[in-house]
Amino acid sequence: SRQSMEGQTNVDSIGQWGGVVILGRAPISA
């Protein structure tokens, strides 16, 4: 997160940006 880059985070800092999503073509059950 930007907050981490700027030294504004601690042990309970969560949910400050989205994340990484990887999508593929392997079989699923849904």
PDB file of all heavy atoms in Angstrom:
ATOM      1  N   SER A   1       0.836  -1.203   0.000  1.00  0.00           N
ATOM      2  CA  SER A   1       0.000   0.000   0.000  1.00  0.00           C
ATOM      3  C   SER A   1       0.868   1.250   0.000  1.00  0.00           C
ATOM      4  O   SER A   1       2.042   1.228   0.403  1.00  0.00           O
ATOM      5  CB  SER A   1      -0.893   0.017   1.243  1.00  0.00           C
ATOM      6  OG  SER A   1      -0.107   0.130   2.423  1.00  0.00           O
ATOM      7  N   ARG A   2       0.256   2.355  -0.432  1.00  0.00           N
ATOM      8  CA  ARG A   2       0.976   3.625  -0.374  1.00  0.00           C
ATOM      9  C   ARG A   2       1.316   3.978   1.070  1.00  0.00           C
ATOM     10  O   ARG A   2       2.404   4.500   1.356  1.00  0.00           O
ATOM     11  CB  ARG A   2       0.132   4.728  -1.003  1.00  0.00           C
ATOM     12  CG  ARG A   2       0.793   6.106  -0.913  1.00  0.00           C
ATOM     13  CD  ARG A   2       0.103   7.137  -1.762  1.00  0.00           C
ATOM     14  NE  ARG A   2       0.718   8.447  -1.598  1.00  0.00           N
ATOM     15  CZ  ARG A   2       0.509   9.479  -2.399  1.00  0.00           C
ATOM     16  NH1 ARG A   2      -0.296   9.349  -3.429  1.00  0.00           N
ATOM     17  NH2 ARG A   2       1.099  10.638  -2.180  1.00  0.00           N
ATOM     18  N   GLN A   3       0.403   3.658   1.991  1.00  0.00           N
ATOM     19  CA  GLN A   3       0.666   3.945   3.396  1.00  0.00           C
ATOM     20  C   GLN A   3       1.921   3.244   3.881  1.00  0.00           C
ATOM     21  O   GLN A   3       2.728   3.802   4.652  1.00  0.00           O
ATOM     22  CB  GLN A   3      -0.531   3.534   4.253  1.00  0.00           C
ATOM     23  CG  GLN A   3      -1.789   4.350   3.980  1.00  0.00           C
ATOM     24  CD  GLN A   3      -2.676   3.685   2.947  1.00  0.00           C
ATOM     25  OE1 GLN A   3      -2.203   3.186   1.922  1.00  0.00           O
ATOM     26  NE2 GLN A   3      -3.971   3.664   3.200  1.00  0.00           N
ATOM     27  N   SER A   4       2.107   1.996   3.438  1.00  0.00           N
ATOM     28  CA  SER A   4       3.316   1.270   3.824  1.00  0.00           C
ATOM     29  C   SER A   4       4.559   1.916   3.239  1.00  0.00           C
ATOM     30  O   SER A   4       5.598   2.028   3.906  1.00  0.00           O
ATOM     31  CB  SER A   4       3.208  -0.185   3.357  1.00  0.00           C
ATOM     32  OG  SER A   4       4.390  -0.897   3.643  1.00  0.00           O
ATOM     33  N   MET A   5       4.474   2.352   1.985  1.00  0.00           N
ATOM     34  CA  MET A   5       5.611   3.014   1.354  1.00  0.00           C
ATOM     35  C   MET A   5       6.004   4.278   2.111  1.00  0.00           C
ATOM     36  O   MET A   5       7.162   4.685   2.100  1.00  0.00           O
ATOM     37  CB  MET A   5       5.278   3.369  -0.097  1.00  0.00           C
ATOM     38  CG  MET A   5       4.943   2.194  -1.002  1.00  0.00           C
ATOM     39  SD  MET A   5       6.352   1.134  -1.348  1.00  0.00           S
ATOM     40  CE  MET A   5       7.396   2.211  -2.295  1.00  0.00           C
ATOM     41  N   GLU A   6       5.023   4.886   2.777  1.00  0.00           N
ATOM     42  CA  GLU A   6       5.280   6.146   3.469  1.00  0.00           C
ATOM     43  C   GLU A   6       5.453   5.961   4.968  1.00  0.00           C
ATOM     44  O   GLU A   6       5.471   6.941   5.719  1.00  0.00           O
ATOM     45  CB  GLU A   6       4.150   7.123   3.154  1.00  0.00           C
ATOM     46  CG  GLU A   6       4.127   7.473   1.658  1.00  0.00           C
ATOM     47  CD  GLU A   6       3.104   8.514   1.293  1.00  0.00           C
ATOM     48  OE1 GLU A   6       2.096   8.644   2.022  1.00  0.00           O
ATOM     49  OE2 GLU A   6       3.310   9.199   0.278  1.00  0.00           O
ATOM     50  N   GLY A   7       5.599   4.703   5.420  1.00  0.00           N
ATOM     51  CA  GLY A   7       5.879   4.455   6.827  1.00  0.00           C
ATOM     52  C   GLY A   7       4.716   4.708   7.753  1.00  0.00           C
ATOM     53  O   GLY A   7       4.908   5.039   8.926  1.00  0.00           O
ATOM     54  N   GLN A   8       3.478   4.545   7.261  1.00  0.00           N
ATOM     55  CA  GLN A   8       2.286   4.844   8.063  1.00  0.00           C
ATOM     56  C   GLN A   8       1.511   3.587   8.439  1.00  0.00           C
ATOM     57  O   GLN A   8       0.305   3.649   8.663  1.00  0.00           O
ATOM     58  CB  GLN A   8       1.374   5.798   7.274  1.00  0.00           C
ATOM     59  CG  GLN A   8       2.019   7.132   6.949  1.00  0.00           C
ATOM     60  CD  GLN A   8       1.149   7.972   6.031  1.00  0.00           C
ATOM     61  OE1 GLN A   8       0.120   7.512   5.539  1.00  0.00           O
ATOM     62  NE2 GLN A   8       1.565   9.199   5.792  1.00  0.00           N
ATOM     63  N   THR A   9       2.171   2.444   8.521  1.00  0.00           N
ATOM     64  CA  THR A   9       1.462   1.203   8.810  1.00  0.00           C
ATOM     65  C   THR A   9       2.008   0.546  10.072  1.00  0.00           C
ATOM     66  O   THR A   9       3.149   0.778  10.475  1.00  0.00           O
ATOM     67  CB  THR A   9       1.591   0.231   7.626  1.00  0.00           C
ATOM     68  OG1 THR A   9       2.962   0.112   7.255  1.00  0.00           O
ATOM     69  CG2 THR A   9       0.789   0.706   6.441  1.00  0.00           C
ATOM     70  N   ASN A  10       1.164  -0.302  10.684  1.00  0.00           N
ATOM     71  CA  ASN A  10       1.593  -1.047  11.857  1.00  0.00           C
ATOM     72  C   ASN A  10       1.078  -2.474  11.780  1.00  0.00           C
ATOM     73  O   ASN A  10       0.584  -2.913  10.742  1.00  0.00           O
ATOM     74  CB  ASN A  10       1.154  -0.345  13.154  1.00  0.00           C
ATOM     75  CG  ASN A  10      -0.348  -0.269  13.290  1.00  0.00           C
ATOM     76  OD1 ASN A  10      -1.089  -1.116  12.777  1.00  0.00           O
ATOM     77  ND2 ASN A  10      -0.832   0.760  13.970  1.00  0.00           N
ATOM     78  N   VAL A  11       1.148  -3.216  12.876  1.00  0.00           N
ATOM     79  CA  VAL A  11       0.839  -4.644  12.865  1.00  0.00           C
ATOM     80  C   VAL A  11      -0.611  -4.935  12.511  1.00  0.00           C
ATOM     81  O   VAL A  11      -0.934  -6.035  12.054  1.00  0.00           O
ATOM     82  CB  VAL A  11       1.214  -5.275  14.217  1.00  0.00           C
ATOM     83  CG1 VAL A  11       0.261  -4.828  15.321  1.00  0.00           C
ATOM     84  CG2 VAL A  11       1.269  -6.784  14.128  1.00  0.00           C
ATOM     85  N   ASP A  12      -1.512  -3.986  12.678  1.00  0.00           N
ATOM     86  CA  ASP A  12      -2.929  -4.207  12.395  1.00  0.00           C
ATOM     87  C   ASP A  12      -3.401  -3.500  11.132  1.00  0.00           C
ATOM     88  O   ASP A  12      -4.610  -3.395  10.897  1.00  0.00           O
ATOM     89  CB  ASP A  12      -3.784  -3.758  13.584  1.00  0.00           C
ATOM     90  CG  ASP A  12      -3.641  -4.691  14.775  1.00  0.00           C
ATOM     91  OD1 ASP A  12      -3.619  -5.917  14.556  1.00  0.00           O
ATOM     92  OD2 ASP A  12      -3.527  -4.198  15.907  1.00  0.00           O
ATOM     93  N   SER A  13      -2.513  -3.023  10.307  1.00  0.00           N
ATOM     94  CA  SER A  13      -2.907  -2.318   9.087  1.00  0.00           C
ATOM     95  C   SER A  13      -3.317  -3.315   8.013  1.00  0.00           C
ATOM     96  O   SER A  13      -2.497  -4.113   7.554  1.00  0.00           O
ATOM     97  CB  SER A  13      -1.756  -1.449   8.573  1.00  0.00           C
ATOM     98  OG  SER A  13      -1.446  -0.431   9.497  1.00  0.00           O
ATOM     99  N   ILE A  14      -4.578  -3.272   7.615  1.00  0.00           N
ATOM    100  CA  ILE A  14      -5.127  -4.202   6.631  1.00  0.00           C
ATOM    101  C   ILE A  14      -6.002  -3.430   5.648  1.00  0.00           C
ATOM    102  O   ILE A  14      -6.420  -2.300   5.914  1.00  0.00           O
ATOM    103  CB  ILE A  14      -5.960  -5.319   7.304  1.00  0.00           C
ATOM    104  CG1 ILE A  14      -7.134  -4.717   8.075  1.00  0.00           C
ATOM    105  CG2 ILE A  14      -5.096  -6.174   8.224  1.00  0.00           C
ATOM    106  CD1 ILE A  14      -8.082  -5.745   8.679  1.00  0.00           C
ATOM    107  N   GLY A  15      -6.280  -4.033   4.504  1.00  0.00           N
ATOM    108  CA  GLY A  15      -7.281  -3.520   3.582  1.00  0.00           C
ATOM    109  C   GLY A  15      -7.003  -2.147   3.024  1.00  0.00           C
ATOM    110  O   GLY A  15      -7.927  -1.369   2.797  1.00  0.00           O
ATOM    111  N   GLN A  16      -5.745  -1.835   2.727  1.00  0.00           N
ATOM    112  CA  GLN A  16      -5.415  -0.493   2.267  1.00  0.00           C
ATOM    113  C   GLN A  16      -5.364  -0.370   0.740  1.00  0.00           C
ATOM    114  O   GLN A  16      -5.236   0.729   0.208  1.00  0.00           O
ATOM    115  CB  GLN A  16      -4.065  -0.069   2.869  1.00  0.00           C
ATOM    116  CG  GLN A  16      -4.141   0.036   4.389  1.00  0.00           C
ATOM    117  CD  GLN A  16      -2.811   0.388   5.018  1.00  0.00           C
ATOM    118  OE1 GLN A  16      -1.748   0.174   4.434  1.00  0.00           O
ATOM    119  NE2 GLN A  16      -2.852   0.931   6.219  1.00  0.00           N
ATOM    120  N   TRP A  17      -5.449  -1.497   0.054  1.00  0.00           N
ATOM    121  CA  TRP A  17      -5.566  -1.496  -1.413  1.00  0.00           C
ATOM    122  C   TRP A  17      -6.201  -2.822  -1.791  1.00  0.00           C
ATOM    123  O   TRP A  17      -6.556  -3.624  -0.923  1.00  0.00           O
ATOM    124  CB  TRP A  17      -4.212  -1.275  -2.085  1.00  0.00           C
ATOM    125  CG  TRP A  17      -3.241  -2.395  -1.941  1.00  0.00           C
ATOM    126  CD1 TRP A  17      -2.574  -2.758  -0.815  1.00  0.00           C
ATOM    127  CD2 TRP A  17      -2.836  -3.313  -2.962  1.00  0.00           C
ATOM    128  NE1 TRP A  17      -1.784  -3.847  -1.061  1.00  0.00           N
ATOM    129  CE2 TRP A  17      -1.917  -4.207  -2.375  1.00  0.00           C
ATOM    130  CE3 TRP A  17      -3.152  -3.463  -4.313  1.00  0.00           C
ATOM    131  CZ2 TRP A  17      -1.311  -5.240  -3.089  1.00  0.00           C
ATOM    132  CZ3 TRP A  17      -2.546  -4.489  -5.028  1.00  0.00           C
ATOM    133  CH2 TRP A  17      -1.635  -5.355  -4.420  1.00  0.00           C
ATOM    134  N   GLY A  18      -6.375  -3.099  -3.079  1.00  0.00           N
ATOM    135  CA  GLY A  18      -7.146  -4.261  -3.489  1.00  0.00           C
ATOM    136  C   GLY A  18      -6.429  -5.584  -3.373  1.00  0.00           C
ATOM    137  O   GLY A  18      -6.648  -6.357  -2.441  1.00  0.00           O
ATOM    138  N   GLY A  19      -5.507  -5.890  -4.291  1.00  0.00           N
ATOM    139  CA  GLY A  19      -4.826  -7.174  -4.281  1.00  0.00           C
ATOM    140  C   GLY A  19      -4.512  -7.624  -5.699  1.00  0.00           C
ATOM    141  O   GLY A  19      -4.584  -6.847  -6.656  1.00  0.00           O
ATOM    142  N   VAL A  20      -4.148  -8.914  -5.830  1.00  0.00           N
ATOM    143  CA  VAL A  20      -3.740  -9.490  -7.112  1.00  0.00           C
ATOM    144  C   VAL A  20      -4.706 -10.608  -7.478  1.00  0.00           C
ATOM    145  O   VAL A  20      -4.963 -11.506  -6.662  1.00  0.00           O
ATOM    146  CB  VAL A  20      -2.300 -10.030  -7.044  1.00  0.00           C
ATOM    147  CG1 VAL A  20      -1.916 -10.689  -8.359  1.00  0.00           C
ATOM    148  CG2 VAL A  20      -1.314  -8.909  -6.687  1.00  0.00           C
ATOM    149  N   VAL A  21      -5.245 -10.566  -8.688  1.00  0.00           N
ATOM    150  CA  VAL A  21      -6.199 -11.564  -9.183  1.00  0.00           C
ATOM    151  C   VAL A  21      -5.611 -12.187 -10.444  1.00  0.00           C
ATOM    152  O   VAL A  21      -5.308 -11.480 -11.409  1.00  0.00           O
ATOM    153  CB  VAL A  21      -7.567 -10.925  -9.502  1.00  0.00           C
ATOM    154  CG1 VAL A  21      -8.535 -11.975 -10.021  1.00  0.00           C
ATOM    155  CG2 VAL A  21      -8.130 -10.224  -8.269  1.00  0.00           C
ATOM    156  N   ILE A  22      -5.457 -13.512 -10.451  1.00  0.00           N
ATOM    157  CA  ILE A  22      -4.948 -14.222 -11.625  1.00  0.00           C
ATOM    158  C   ILE A  22      -6.027 -15.185 -12.109  1.00  0.00           C
ATOM    159  O   ILE A  22      -6.538 -15.996 -11.329  1.00  0.00           O
ATOM    160  CB  ILE A  22      -3.644 -14.975 -11.310  1.00  0.00           C
ATOM    161  CG1 ILE A  22      -2.590 -13.996 -10.776  1.00  0.00           C
ATOM    162  CG2 ILE A  22      -3.128 -15.688 -12.551  1.00  0.00           C
ATOM    163  CD1 ILE A  22      -1.278 -14.649 -10.403  1.00  0.00           C
ATOM    164  N   LEU A  23      -6.371 -15.076 -13.386  1.00  0.00           N
ATOM    165  CA  LEU A  23      -7.474 -15.831 -13.967  1.00  0.00           C
ATOM    166  C   LEU A  23      -6.945 -16.753 -15.058  1.00  0.00           C
ATOM    167  O   LEU A  23      -6.197 -16.322 -15.935  1.00  0.00           O
ATOM    168  CB  LEU A  23      -8.504 -14.868 -14.565  1.00  0.00           C
ATOM    169  CG  LEU A  23      -9.001 -13.777 -13.613  1.00  0.00           C
ATOM    170  CD1 LEU A  23      -9.842 -12.763 -14.365  1.00  0.00           C
ATOM    171  CD2 LEU A  23      -9.803 -14.381 -12.474  1.00  0.00           C
ATOM    172  N   GLY A  24      -7.364 -18.035 -14.991  1.00  0.00           N
ATOM    173  CA  GLY A  24      -6.890 -18.992 -15.971  1.00  0.00           C
ATOM    174  C   GLY A  24      -8.007 -19.799 -16.595  1.00  0.00           C
ATOM    175  O   GLY A  24      -9.194 -19.587 -16.321  1.00  0.00           O
ATOM    176  N   ARG A  25      -7.603 -20.774 -17.431  1.00  0.00           N
ATOM    177  CA  ARG A  25      -8.543 -21.572 -18.212  1.00  0.00           C
ATOM    178  C   ARG A  25      -8.560 -23.032 -17.777  1.00  0.00           C
ATOM    179  O   ARG A  25      -8.962 -23.910 -18.541  1.00  0.00           O
ATOM    180  CB  ARG A  25      -8.163 -21.471 -19.697  1.00  0.00           C
ATOM    181  CG  ARG A  25      -8.219 -20.051 -20.225  1.00  0.00           C
ATOM    182  CD  ARG A  25      -7.636 -19.933 -21.620  1.00  0.00           C
ATOM    183  NE  ARG A  25      -6.198 -20.174 -21.613  1.00  0.00           N
ATOM    184  CZ  ARG A  25      -5.366 -19.777 -22.587  1.00  0.00           C
ATOM    185  NH1 ARG A  25      -5.838 -19.118 -23.628  1.00  0.00           N
ATOM    186  NH2 ARG A  25      -4.076 -20.041 -22.535  1.00  0.00           N
ATOM    187  N   ALA A  26      -8.141 -23.299 -16.546  1.00  0.00           N
ATOM    188  CA  ALA A  26      -8.207 -24.663 -16.033  1.00  0.00           C
ATOM    189  C   ALA A  26      -9.633 -24.969 -15.579  1.00  0.00           C
ATOM    190  O   ALA A  26     -10.434 -24.057 -15.318  1.00  0.00           O
ATOM    191  CB  ALA A  26      -7.226 -24.843 -14.884  1.00  0.00           C
ATOM    192  N   PRO A  27      -9.992 -26.259 -15.453  1.00  0.00           N
ATOM    193  CA  PRO A  27     -11.376 -26.633 -15.093  1.00  0.00           C
ATOM    194  C   PRO A  27     -11.792 -26.133 -13.715  1.00  0.00           C
ATOM    195  O   PRO A  27     -10.983 -26.025 -12.790  1.00  0.00           O
ATOM    196  CB  PRO A  27     -11.337 -28.168 -15.124  1.00  0.00           C
ATOM    197  CG  PRO A  27     -10.221 -28.505 -16.049  1.00  0.00           C
ATOM    198  CD  PRO A  27      -9.172 -27.435 -15.820  1.00  0.00           C
ATOM    199  N   ILE A  28     -13.077 -25.847 -13.606  1.00  0.00           N
ATOM    200  CA  ILE A  28     -13.700 -25.438 -12.352  1.00  0.00           C
ATOM    201  C   ILE A  28     -15.011 -26.215 -12.213  1.00  0.00           C
ATOM    202  O   ILE A  28     -15.438 -26.899 -13.138  1.00  0.00           O
ATOM    203  CB  ILE A  28     -13.980 -23.921 -12.337  1.00  0.00           C
ATOM    204  CG1 ILE A  28     -15.018 -23.548 -13.403  1.00  0.00           C
ATOM    205  CG2 ILE A  28     -12.686 -23.144 -12.561  1.00  0.00           C
ATOM    206  CD1 ILE A  28     -15.456 -22.091 -13.361  1.00  0.00           C
ATOM    207  N   SER A  29     -15.639 -26.113 -11.052  1.00  0.00           N
ATOM    208  CA  SER A  29     -16.922 -26.804 -10.870  1.00  0.00           C
ATOM    209  C   SER A  29     -18.117 -25.859 -10.862  1.00  0.00           C
ATOM    210  O   SER A  29     -19.264 -26.316 -10.828  1.00  0.00           O
ATOM    211  CB  SER A  29     -16.908 -27.604  -9.558  1.00  0.00           C
ATOM    212  OG  SER A  29     -16.719 -26.751  -8.443  1.00  0.00           O
ATOM    213  N   ALA A  30     -17.872 -24.557 -10.912  1.00  0.00           N
ATOM    214  CA  ALA A  30     -18.969 -23.582 -10.876  1.00  0.00           C
ATOM    215  C   ALA A  30     -19.530 -23.369 -12.274  1.00  0.00           C
ATOM    216  O   ALA A  30     -19.535 -22.258 -12.805  1.00  0.00           O
ATOM    217  CB  ALA A  30     -18.490 -22.272 -10.272  1.00  0.00           C
TER     218      ALA A  30
END
